[in-house]
Amino acid sequence: MPNHKTFQIKPIDNFIRQYLPSKPCIILDPFAHRPSDYGAITNDLNPQSKVQFHLDALDFLRLYEDESVDLVLFDPPYSPRQLKECYDNIGQSLHDTKSSVWSNWKKEIMRIVKPGGGVLSFGWNTVGIGKTRGFEIKHILIVSHGGMHNDTLCLFEEK
């Protein structure tokens, strides 16, 4: 990872800021690793993270009522290596690379995001939450990190 603090990368920060609602709203960050500069309710499995919740991401998403969230910042570890780097020190067996885990996160996000709400996804693909779950891609940003680093693909989808 060129920077494990994805949201501190200037073009990514700018991308996020253009989609922050101007009115008071509910923004969730289920994989925060850090406090939010975006007014989000933050969660991270690592108890050392300075966030509001320390739950499994699925349990965190299940706290919210149907169609109650305005925006989700979806930035899970992108690969098994990143998963290990981010969470190996907390002593839990993590299975977040299984497709069923990703599918369950997306089902919960589909359930809790309001119509007209959105999801900002970050990773190495533009799969996002998906059209079959009622989301439409509105904007894709490619951030090149140079050298041998993979690009970060940023996606805004609207429900």
Protein backbone atom coordinates (compact mmCIF):
# COMPACT_ATOMS: atom_id res chain seq x y z
CA MET A 1 0.00 0.00 0.00
CA PRO A 2 1.45 3.38 -0.91
CA ASN A 3 -0.47 4.85 2.03
CA HIS A 4 -2.64 2.79 4.39
CA LYS A 5 -4.52 5.99 5.19
CA THR A 6 -6.40 5.98 1.89
CA PHE A 7 -8.47 9.06 2.67
CA GLN A 8 -5.38 11.22 3.32
CA ILE A 9 -4.31 10.87 -0.32
CA LYS A 10 -5.23 14.31 -1.73
CA PRO A 11 -7.19 13.28 -4.86
CA ILE A 12 -9.12 10.69 -2.83
CA ASP A 13 -9.89 13.24 -0.10
CA ASN A 14 -11.17 15.64 -2.80
CA PHE A 15 -13.26 12.86 -4.36
CA ILE A 16 -14.93 12.10 -1.02
CA ARG A 17 -15.56 15.74 -0.15
CA GLN A 18 -17.53 16.37 -3.34
CA TYR A 19 -20.08 13.73 -2.28
CA LEU A 20 -20.52 14.69 1.36
CA PRO A 21 -24.10 15.85 1.89
CA SER A 22 -24.44 19.50 2.91
CA LYS A 23 -27.24 18.81 5.40
CA PRO A 24 -26.88 16.81 8.63
CA CYS A 25 -26.88 13.14 7.72
CA ILE A 26 -25.69 9.67 8.64
CA ILE A 27 -22.35 8.66 7.10
CA LEU A 28 -20.86 5.28 7.99
CA ASP A 29 -17.27 4.12 7.72
CA PRO A 30 -17.23 0.37 8.58
CA PHE A 31 -13.43 -0.02 8.04
CA ALA A 32 -12.18 3.26 9.48
CA HIS A 33 -8.70 2.49 10.96
CA ARG A 34 -8.80 6.16 12.04
CA PRO A 35 -11.14 8.90 13.27
CA SER A 36 -13.19 10.50 10.50
CA ASP A 37 -12.69 13.94 9.00
CA TYR A 38 -16.01 13.51 7.20
CA GLY A 39 -18.47 13.39 10.09
CA ALA A 40 -18.83 9.63 9.72
CA ILE A 41 -19.71 7.10 12.37
CA THR A 42 -16.55 5.02 12.48
CA ASN A 43 -15.86 1.34 13.07
CA ASP A 44 -12.78 -0.84 12.98
CA LEU A 45 -12.21 -4.34 14.28
CA ASN A 46 -8.85 -3.38 15.79
CA PRO A 47 -9.42 -2.28 19.42
CA GLN A 48 -6.37 0.01 19.18
CA SER A 49 -8.04 2.13 16.47
CA LYS A 50 -9.38 5.46 17.68
CA VAL A 51 -12.88 4.95 16.32
CA GLN A 52 -16.38 4.83 17.81
CA PHE A 53 -17.05 1.08 17.37
CA HIS A 54 -14.85 -2.02 17.37
CA LEU A 55 -17.16 -4.55 15.71
CA ASP A 56 -16.99 -6.96 12.83
CA ALA A 57 -18.06 -4.87 9.81
CA LEU A 58 -21.19 -6.98 9.22
CA ASP A 59 -22.29 -6.59 12.85
CA PHE A 60 -21.66 -2.84 12.58
CA LEU A 61 -23.78 -2.51 9.43
CA ARG A 62 -26.57 -4.55 11.05
CA LEU A 63 -26.93 -1.87 13.76
CA TYR A 64 -28.74 0.39 11.28
CA GLU A 65 -32.39 0.40 10.24
CA ASP A 66 -33.54 -0.12 6.66
CA GLU A 67 -32.96 2.96 4.47
CA SER A 68 -31.54 5.02 7.35
CA VAL A 69 -28.04 5.88 6.06
CA ASP A 70 -27.13 8.67 3.63
CA LEU A 71 -23.61 7.63 2.66
CA VAL A 72 -21.25 4.68 3.22
CA LEU A 73 -17.47 4.93 2.87
CA PHE A 74 -16.62 1.37 1.77
CA ASP A 75 -12.85 0.91 2.09
CA PRO A 76 -12.11 -2.66 3.27
CA PRO A 77 -8.61 -4.12 2.95
CA TYR A 78 -8.19 -4.83 -0.76
CA SER A 79 -6.22 -8.08 -0.59
CA PRO A 80 -5.20 -10.92 1.75
CA ARG A 81 -1.84 -9.19 2.24
CA GLN A 82 -3.50 -5.91 3.28
CA LEU A 83 -5.88 -7.81 5.53
CA LYS A 84 -2.91 -9.39 7.27
CA GLU A 85 -1.07 -6.04 7.54
CA CYS A 86 -4.10 -4.27 9.00
CA TYR A 87 -5.37 -6.92 11.43
CA ASP A 88 -2.74 -9.59 12.10
CA ASN A 89 -1.77 -7.98 15.39
CA ILE A 90 -5.23 -8.31 16.99
CA GLY A 91 -5.18 -12.12 17.15
CA GLN A 92 -8.35 -12.92 15.23
CA SER A 93 -8.80 -15.28 12.34
CA LEU A 94 -10.15 -13.06 9.55
CA HIS A 95 -11.97 -14.38 6.50
CA ASP A 96 -12.79 -11.14 4.71
CA THR A 97 -11.40 -12.38 1.40
CA LYS A 98 -14.21 -14.93 0.99
CA SER A 99 -16.70 -13.76 -1.63
CA SER A 100 -19.62 -14.56 0.69
CA VAL A 101 -18.28 -12.07 3.26
CA TRP A 102 -18.08 -9.32 0.63
CA SER A 103 -21.55 -10.24 -0.65
CA ASN A 104 -23.01 -10.03 2.87
CA TRP A 105 -21.47 -6.59 3.42
CA LYS A 106 -22.99 -5.41 0.14
CA LYS A 107 -26.44 -6.82 1.01
CA GLU A 108 -26.40 -4.91 4.29
CA ILE A 109 -25.26 -1.72 2.59
CA MET A 110 -28.07 -2.12 0.04
CA ARG A 111 -30.55 -2.51 2.91
CA ILE A 112 -29.46 0.48 4.99
CA VAL A 113 -28.74 3.14 2.33
CA LYS A 114 -31.65 5.51 1.65
CA PRO A 115 -32.99 5.94 -1.88
CA GLY A 116 -30.93 8.81 -3.31
CA GLY A 117 -28.11 7.95 -0.89
CA GLY A 118 -24.72 6.73 -1.98
CA VAL A 119 -21.68 4.59 -1.49
CA LEU A 120 -18.08 5.61 -2.05
CA SER A 121 -16.04 2.43 -2.70
CA PHE A 122 -12.26 2.15 -2.85
CA GLY A 123 -10.19 -0.75 -4.16
CA TRP A 124 -8.61 -2.39 -7.17
CA ASN A 125 -11.82 -2.84 -9.17
CA THR A 126 -15.03 -0.98 -9.99
CA VAL A 127 -17.45 -3.71 -8.98
CA GLY A 128 -18.91 -1.55 -6.20
CA ILE A 129 -22.23 -2.45 -4.62
CA GLY A 130 -23.75 -3.10 -8.02
CA LYS A 131 -26.64 -2.52 -10.35
CA THR A 132 -28.35 -5.74 -9.23
CA ARG A 133 -28.57 -4.23 -5.74
CA GLY A 134 -30.12 -1.03 -7.04
CA PHE A 135 -27.02 1.17 -7.33
CA GLU A 136 -25.91 3.16 -10.36
CA ILE A 137 -22.30 4.20 -10.99
CA LYS A 138 -22.09 7.98 -11.21
CA HIS A 139 -18.35 8.63 -11.04
CA ILE A 140 -15.08 6.68 -11.23
CA LEU A 141 -11.70 8.15 -10.26
CA ILE A 142 -8.42 6.35 -10.95
CA VAL A 143 -5.56 7.32 -8.64
CA SER A 144 -2.14 6.20 -9.85
CA HIS A 145 0.47 5.75 -7.13
CA GLY A 146 3.39 5.16 -9.52
CA GLY A 147 6.10 2.57 -9.49
CA MET A 148 5.01 -0.97 -8.72
CA HIS A 149 1.96 0.14 -6.71
CA ASN A 150 -1.54 -0.74 -7.87
CA ASP A 151 -3.85 2.14 -8.70
CA THR A 152 -6.69 2.92 -6.32
CA LEU A 153 -10.06 2.91 -8.06
CA CYS A 154 -12.63 5.18 -6.42
CA LEU A 155 -16.28 4.72 -7.23
CA PHE A 156 -19.39 6.72 -6.34
CA GLU A 157 -22.69 4.88 -6.71
CA GLU A 158 -26.15 6.23 -6.02
CA LYS A 159 -29.12 4.18 -4.89
